[in-house]
C-alpha atoms as a PDB file:
ATOM      1  CA  MET A   1      90.723  92.672 159.785  1.00  0.00           C
ATOM      2  CA  GLY A   2      92.772  89.989 159.135  1.00  0.00           C
ATOM      3  CA  SER A   3      93.306  89.612 155.869  1.00  0.00           C
ATOM      4  CA  ARG A   4      93.166  93.675 155.495  1.00  0.00           C
ATOM      5  CA  LEU A   5      95.984  93.047 157.404  1.00  0.00           C
ATOM      6  CA  ARG A   6      97.635  90.144 155.246  1.00  0.00           C
ATOM      7  CA  LEU A   7      96.997  92.001 152.896  1.00  0.00           C
ATOM      8  CA  ALA A   8      98.684  95.166 153.401  1.00  0.00           C
ATOM      9  CA  ALA A   9     101.601  92.971 154.093  1.00  0.00           C
ATOM     10  CA  LEU A  10     102.083  91.188 151.179  1.00  0.00           C
ATOM     11  CA  THR A  11     101.825  94.529 149.323  1.00  0.00           C
ATOM     12  CA  LEU A  12     104.539  95.674 151.042  1.00  0.00           C
ATOM     13  CA  LEU A  13     106.846  92.441 151.496  1.00  0.00           C
ATOM     14  CA  PHE A  14     105.971  92.454 146.833  1.00  0.00           C
ATOM     15  CA  LEU A  15     107.424  96.084 147.139  1.00  0.00           C
ATOM     16  CA  THR A  16     110.034  95.768 149.223  1.00  0.00           C
ATOM     17  CA  THR A  17     111.216  92.787 146.686  1.00  0.00           C
ATOM     18  CA  ILE A  18     110.362  94.573 143.322  1.00  0.00           C
ATOM     19  CA  SER A  19     111.581  97.983 144.375  1.00  0.00           C
ATOM     20  CA  ASN A  20     115.067  96.777 145.862  1.00  0.00           C
ATOM     21  CA  VAL A  21     113.869  99.900 147.860  1.00  0.00           C
ATOM     22  CA  ASP A  22     113.789  99.730 152.040  1.00  0.00           C
ATOM     23  CA  PRO A  23     110.233 101.321 151.715  1.00  0.00           C
ATOM     24  CA  ILE A  24     110.323 102.685 155.168  1.00  0.00           C
ATOM     25  CA  ARG A  25     113.200 105.098 153.864  1.00  0.00           C
ATOM     26  CA  ALA A  26     111.774 105.860 150.815  1.00  0.00           C
ATOM     27  CA  ALA A  27     108.809 107.284 152.274  1.00  0.00           C
ATOM     28  CA  ASN A  28     109.804 109.370 154.750  1.00  0.00           C
ATOM     29  CA  ASP A  29     113.530 110.211 152.245  1.00  0.00           C
ATOM     30  CA  GLY A  30     112.074 113.252 150.638  1.00  0.00           C
ATOM     31  CA  ASP A  31     112.399 112.112 147.755  1.00  0.00           C
ATOM     32  CA  ASP A  32     110.626 114.178 144.864  1.00  0.00           C
ATOM     33  CA  GLY A  33     110.224 111.930 142.225  1.00  0.00           C
ATOM     34  CA  ALA A  34     113.393 112.887 140.798  1.00  0.00           C
ATOM     35  CA  GLY A  35     115.102 110.546 139.220  1.00  0.00           C
ATOM     36  CA  ASP A  36     112.667 107.320 139.487  1.00  0.00           C
ATOM     37  CA  ASP A  37     114.019 105.888 136.153  1.00  0.00           C
ATOM     38  CA  ASP A  38     117.008 104.120 138.235  1.00  0.00           C
ATOM     39  CA  TRP A  39     115.461 101.118 138.027  1.00  0.00           C
ATOM     40  CA  LEU A  40     115.865 101.181 134.992  1.00  0.00           C
ATOM     41  CA  ASP A  41     119.421 101.470 135.327  1.00  0.00           C
ATOM     42  CA  ARG A  42     119.855  98.574 137.459  1.00  0.00           C
ATOM     43  CA  MET A  43     117.763  96.299 135.084  1.00  0.00           C
ATOM     44  CA  GLY A  44     119.538  97.373 131.867  1.00  0.00           C
ATOM     45  CA  LYS A  45     117.662  98.568 130.138  1.00  0.00           C
ATOM     46  CA  THR A  46     115.914 102.661 128.316  1.00  0.00           C
ATOM     47  CA  SER A  47     113.011 104.118 128.401  1.00  0.00           C
ATOM     48  CA  SER A  48     111.755 105.887 125.781  1.00  0.00           C
ATOM     49  CA  ASP A  49     109.518 108.855 125.001  1.00  0.00           C
ATOM     50  CA  GLU A  50     105.658 107.780 122.946  1.00  0.00           C
ATOM     51  CA  ASN A  51     106.933 108.434 119.662  1.00  0.00           C
ATOM     52  CA  SER A  52     109.385 105.839 119.553  1.00  0.00           C
ATOM     53  CA  GLN A  53     107.443 103.320 121.077  1.00  0.00           C
ATOM     54  CA  PRO A  54     105.808 100.593 118.198  1.00  0.00           C
ATOM     55  CA  GLY A  55     103.894 100.694 115.847  1.00  0.00           C
ATOM     56  CA  GLN A  56     100.708  99.226 118.437  1.00  0.00           C
ATOM     57  CA  PHE A  57     101.021 101.418 121.179  1.00  0.00           C
ATOM     58  CA  ASN A  58     101.602 104.337 119.133  1.00  0.00           C
ATOM     59  CA  THR A  59      98.734 105.336 116.886  1.00  0.00           C
ATOM     60  CA  GLU A  60      99.109 109.661 116.745  1.00  0.00           C
ATOM     61  CA  HIS A  61      95.855 109.772 117.949  1.00  0.00           C
ATOM     62  CA  GLY A  62      97.039 111.184 120.967  1.00  0.00           C
ATOM     63  CA  ARG A  63      98.390 110.142 124.037  1.00  0.00           C
ATOM     64  CA  GLY A  64      96.873 107.219 126.131  1.00  0.00           C
ATOM     65  CA  THR A  65      95.196 105.589 123.004  1.00  0.00           C
ATOM     66  CA  LEU A  66      95.901 102.124 122.018  1.00  0.00           C
ATOM     67  CA  GLU A  67      95.503 100.621 118.991  1.00  0.00           C
ATOM     68  CA  VAL A  68      93.901  96.625 118.863  1.00  0.00           C
ATOM     69  CA  ASP A  69      95.629  93.630 117.031  1.00  0.00           C
ATOM     70  CA  VAL A  70      95.393  94.167 113.971  1.00  0.00           C
ATOM     71  CA  GLY A  71      94.302  90.190 114.468  1.00  0.00           C
ATOM     72  CA  ALA A  72      91.681  91.056 116.304  1.00  0.00           C
ATOM     73  CA  THR A  73      89.828  92.120 112.707  1.00  0.00           C
ATOM     74  CA  ALA A  74      90.222  88.561 111.601  1.00  0.00           C
ATOM     75  CA  ALA A  75      88.548  87.212 114.428  1.00  0.00           C
ATOM     76  CA  SER A  76      85.732  89.484 115.405  1.00  0.00           C
ATOM     77  CA  ALA A  77      84.385  89.725 111.505  1.00  0.00           C
ATOM     78  CA  ALA A  78      82.671  86.495 112.255  1.00  0.00           C
ATOM     79  CA  SER A  79      80.157  86.198 115.557  1.00  0.00           C
ATOM     80  CA  PRO A  80      81.736  84.648 117.699  1.00  0.00           C
ATOM     81  CA  LYS A  81      80.725  81.276 117.961  1.00  0.00           C
ATOM     82  CA  THR A  82      79.464  80.477 121.703  1.00  0.00           C
ATOM     83  CA  ILE A  83      79.393  77.291 124.051  1.00  0.00           C
ATOM     84  CA  ILE A  84      77.531  76.335 127.234  1.00  0.00           C
ATOM     85  CA  VAL A  85      78.412  74.584 130.077  1.00  0.00           C
ATOM     86  CA  ALA A  86      76.664  73.587 133.278  1.00  0.00           C
ATOM     87  CA  LYS A  87      77.185  71.270 135.433  1.00  0.00           C
ATOM     88  CA  ASP A  88      74.259  69.676 135.600  1.00  0.00           C
ATOM     89  CA  GLY A  89      74.602  68.967 132.353  1.00  0.00           C
ATOM     90  CA  SER A  90      71.928  71.795 130.906  1.00  0.00           C
ATOM     91  CA  GLY A  91      74.982  72.854 128.265  1.00  0.00           C
ATOM     92  CA  HIS A  92      76.961  71.313 125.782  1.00  0.00           C
ATOM     93  CA  PHE A  93      79.720  69.889 127.926  1.00  0.00           C
ATOM     94  CA  LYS A  94      79.316  69.592 131.798  1.00  0.00           C
ATOM     95  CA  THR A  95      83.184  70.251 131.952  1.00  0.00           C
ATOM     96  CA  VAL A  96      85.155  72.960 130.963  1.00  0.00           C
ATOM     97  CA  GLN A  97      88.007  71.056 129.670  1.00  0.00           C
ATOM     98  CA  ALA A  98      85.574  69.587 127.842  1.00  0.00           C
ATOM     99  CA  ALA A  99      84.419  72.104 126.194  1.00  0.00           C
ATOM    100  CA  VAL A 100      88.125  74.115 125.728  1.00  0.00           C
ATOM    101  CA  ASN A 101      89.368  70.432 123.907  1.00  0.00           C
ATOM    102  CA  SER A 102      85.684  70.775 121.076  1.00  0.00           C
ATOM    103  CA  ILE A 103      87.842  73.651 120.337  1.00  0.00           C
ATOM    104  CA  PRO A 104      90.792  72.340 117.231  1.00  0.00           C
ATOM    105  CA  LYS A 105      94.344  74.614 117.927  1.00  0.00           C
ATOM    106  CA  SER A 106      93.923  76.019 114.504  1.00  0.00           C
ATOM    107  CA  ASN A 107      90.379  77.867 115.424  1.00  0.00           C
ATOM    108  CA  LYS A 108      90.480  81.184 114.042  1.00  0.00           C
ATOM    109  CA  GLN A 109      86.906  82.438 115.245  1.00  0.00           C
ATOM    110  CA  ARG A 110      86.819  83.703 119.127  1.00  0.00           C
ATOM    111  CA  VAL A 111      84.543  81.464 120.667  1.00  0.00           C
ATOM    112  CA  ILE A 112      83.478  82.066 123.967  1.00  0.00           C
ATOM    113  CA  ILE A 113      82.925  79.478 126.500  1.00  0.00           C
ATOM    114  CA  SER A 114      80.016  80.716 128.634  1.00  0.00           C
ATOM    115  CA  ILE A 115      80.560  78.605 131.941  1.00  0.00           C
ATOM    116  CA  LYS A 116      77.260  78.540 134.175  1.00  0.00           C
ATOM    117  CA  ALA A 117      77.255  79.362 137.690  1.00  0.00           C
ATOM    118  CA  GLY A 118      79.081  76.401 140.507  1.00  0.00           C
ATOM    119  CA  ILE A 119      82.526  75.195 141.290  1.00  0.00           C
ATOM    120  CA  TYR A 120      84.499  73.725 138.576  1.00  0.00           C
ATOM    121  CA  LYS A 121      87.513  70.857 140.768  1.00  0.00           C
ATOM    122  CA  GLU A 122      89.312  70.149 137.486  1.00  0.00           C
ATOM    123  CA  LYS A 123      92.590  71.168 135.718  1.00  0.00           C
ATOM    124  CA  VAL A 124      91.777  73.199 132.276  1.00  0.00           C
ATOM    125  CA  GLN A 125      94.650  73.347 130.153  1.00  0.00           C
ATOM    126  CA  VAL A 126      93.898  75.664 126.516  1.00  0.00           C
ATOM    127  CA  ASP A 127      96.282  75.011 123.803  1.00  0.00           C
ATOM    128  CA  ALA A 128      93.279  77.012 120.793  1.00  0.00           C
ATOM    129  CA  SER A 129      93.289  80.684 120.563  1.00  0.00           C
ATOM    130  CA  TRP A 130      90.336  82.891 120.364  1.00  0.00           C
ATOM    131  CA  VAL A 131      88.919  81.259 123.425  1.00  0.00           C
ATOM    132  CA  THR A 132      87.093  83.467 126.278  1.00  0.00           C
ATOM    133  CA  PHE A 133      85.708  82.139 129.308  1.00  0.00           C
ATOM    134  CA  GLN A 134      82.287  84.060 130.763  1.00  0.00           C
ATOM    135  CA  GLY A 135      81.397  82.792 133.926  1.00  0.00           C
ATOM    136  CA  ALA A 136      77.956  84.163 135.492  1.00  0.00           C
ATOM    137  CA  GLY A 137      80.441  86.087 137.747  1.00  0.00           C
ATOM    138  CA  PRO A 138      83.853  85.953 139.735  1.00  0.00           C
ATOM    139  CA  ARG A 139      82.098  84.962 142.736  1.00  0.00           C
ATOM    140  CA  LEU A 140      79.336  82.313 141.203  1.00  0.00           C
ATOM    141  CA  THR A 141      82.182  80.969 139.268  1.00  0.00           C
ATOM    142  CA  GLU A 142      85.248  79.599 140.066  1.00  0.00           C
ATOM    143  CA  ILE A 143      87.177  76.475 138.463  1.00  0.00           C
ATOM    144  CA  GLN A 144      89.780  75.399 141.351  1.00  0.00           C
ATOM    145  CA  TRP A 145      92.166  72.360 141.473  1.00  0.00           C
ATOM    146  CA  GLY A 146      95.125  71.645 143.975  1.00  0.00           C
ATOM    147  CA  ASP A 147      98.478  71.290 142.084  1.00  0.00           C
ATOM    148  CA  THR A 148     101.147  73.326 143.523  1.00  0.00           C
ATOM    149  CA  ALA A 149     105.177  73.103 142.576  1.00  0.00           C
ATOM    150  CA  SER A 150     105.845  70.151 145.331  1.00  0.00           C
ATOM    151  CA  THR A 151     102.611  68.102 143.603  1.00  0.00           C
ATOM    152  CA  LYS A 152     103.855  64.529 143.254  1.00  0.00           C
ATOM    153  CA  GLY A 153     103.042  63.860 139.705  1.00  0.00           C
ATOM    154  CA  PRO A 154     103.922  61.304 137.293  1.00  0.00           C
ATOM    155  CA  ASP A 155     107.834  62.178 136.412  1.00  0.00           C
ATOM    156  CA  GLY A 156     108.291  63.459 139.925  1.00  0.00           C
ATOM    157  CA  GLU A 157     107.047  67.063 141.036  1.00  0.00           C
ATOM    158  CA  LEU A 158     105.405  68.837 139.356  1.00  0.00           C
ATOM    159  CA  GLY A 159     107.356  72.403 139.395  1.00  0.00           C
ATOM    160  CA  THR A 160     105.491  75.615 139.301  1.00  0.00           C
ATOM    161  CA  PHE A 161     104.541  75.995 135.623  1.00  0.00           C
ATOM    162  CA  LYS A 162     102.882  72.375 135.133  1.00  0.00           C
ATOM    163  CA  SER A 163     100.638  73.194 138.843  1.00  0.00           C
ATOM    164  CA  ALA A 164      98.408  75.906 137.446  1.00  0.00           C
ATOM    165  CA  SER A 165      94.818  75.940 137.682  1.00  0.00           C
ATOM    166  CA  VAL A 166      94.255  77.287 134.655  1.00  0.00           C
ATOM    167  CA  ALA A 167      96.604  77.124 131.522  1.00  0.00           C
ATOM    168  CA  VAL A 168      96.591  79.300 129.076  1.00  0.00           C
ATOM    169  CA  ASN A 169      98.842  78.918 125.910  1.00  0.00           C
ATOM    170  CA  GLY A 170      96.628  79.982 123.580  1.00  0.00           C
ATOM    171  CA  GLU A 171      97.201  83.497 122.204  1.00  0.00           C
ATOM    172  CA  HIS A 172      94.163  86.034 122.391  1.00  0.00           C
ATOM    173  CA  PHE A 173      92.452  84.231 126.000  1.00  0.00           C
ATOM    174  CA  THR A 174      89.911  86.341 128.045  1.00  0.00           C
ATOM    175  CA  ALA A 175      88.504  86.047 130.732  1.00  0.00           C
ATOM    176  CA  ARG A 176      85.020  87.540 132.615  1.00  0.00           C
ATOM    177  CA  ASP A 177      83.850  86.851 135.289  1.00  0.00           C
ATOM    178  CA  ILE A 178      84.754  84.095 136.355  1.00  0.00           C
ATOM    179  CA  SER A 179      87.461  83.076 139.057  1.00  0.00           C
ATOM    180  CA  PHE A 180      90.670  80.628 139.327  1.00  0.00           C
ATOM    181  CA  ARG A 181      91.206  79.042 142.743  1.00  0.00           C
ATOM    182  CA  LEU A 182      94.314  77.181 144.423  1.00  0.00           C
ATOM    183  CA  ILE A 183      92.334  74.861 146.544  1.00  0.00           C
ATOM    184  CA  ASP A 184      94.774  75.017 149.864  1.00  0.00           C
ATOM    185  CA  VAL A 185      95.067  70.863 149.841  1.00  0.00           C
ATOM    186  CA  TYR A 186      95.995  71.254 153.734  1.00  0.00           C
ATOM    187  CA  CYS A 187      92.595  72.880 154.979  1.00  0.00           C
ATOM    188  CA  ILE A 188      90.195  69.896 153.117  1.00  0.00           C
END
């Protein structure tokens, strides 16, 4: 019950922050949804109909169809390479970062890093493109690290950008059946 209450409070805080609207008043003011685009005005942007969207979003195959990224064809032409990570040494690498480091930054082929079940306590940075992290399940495979924005690094505090547990700089990254978690350093 406690986690549901926290989730509801966080959701309410998030909605209040992004919408700049009192959610209690908005729920009770009888708004029929007309004029919901006023947030676009506040952000200095405009909306457009589906026919004026960029080509990748308007395929003329009917509403709701999304055109696949043209670059995906090149990477999917060859069968993907698979690298196995296992903490017990039964795979190609024992750490996720070692597997990532084995992929050249100029990579043009989909590489699946199959990560066996376990908690991998490491900071990971992915600079190569076309990388997929495939875990054994979100509750079975987890990458953890404990940096926060205020963590001291060699040049002072890390800040938000350098505190990620998993940082992805390469293009076309995907992740399936895996969790990324910040270790609560105060509870260790």
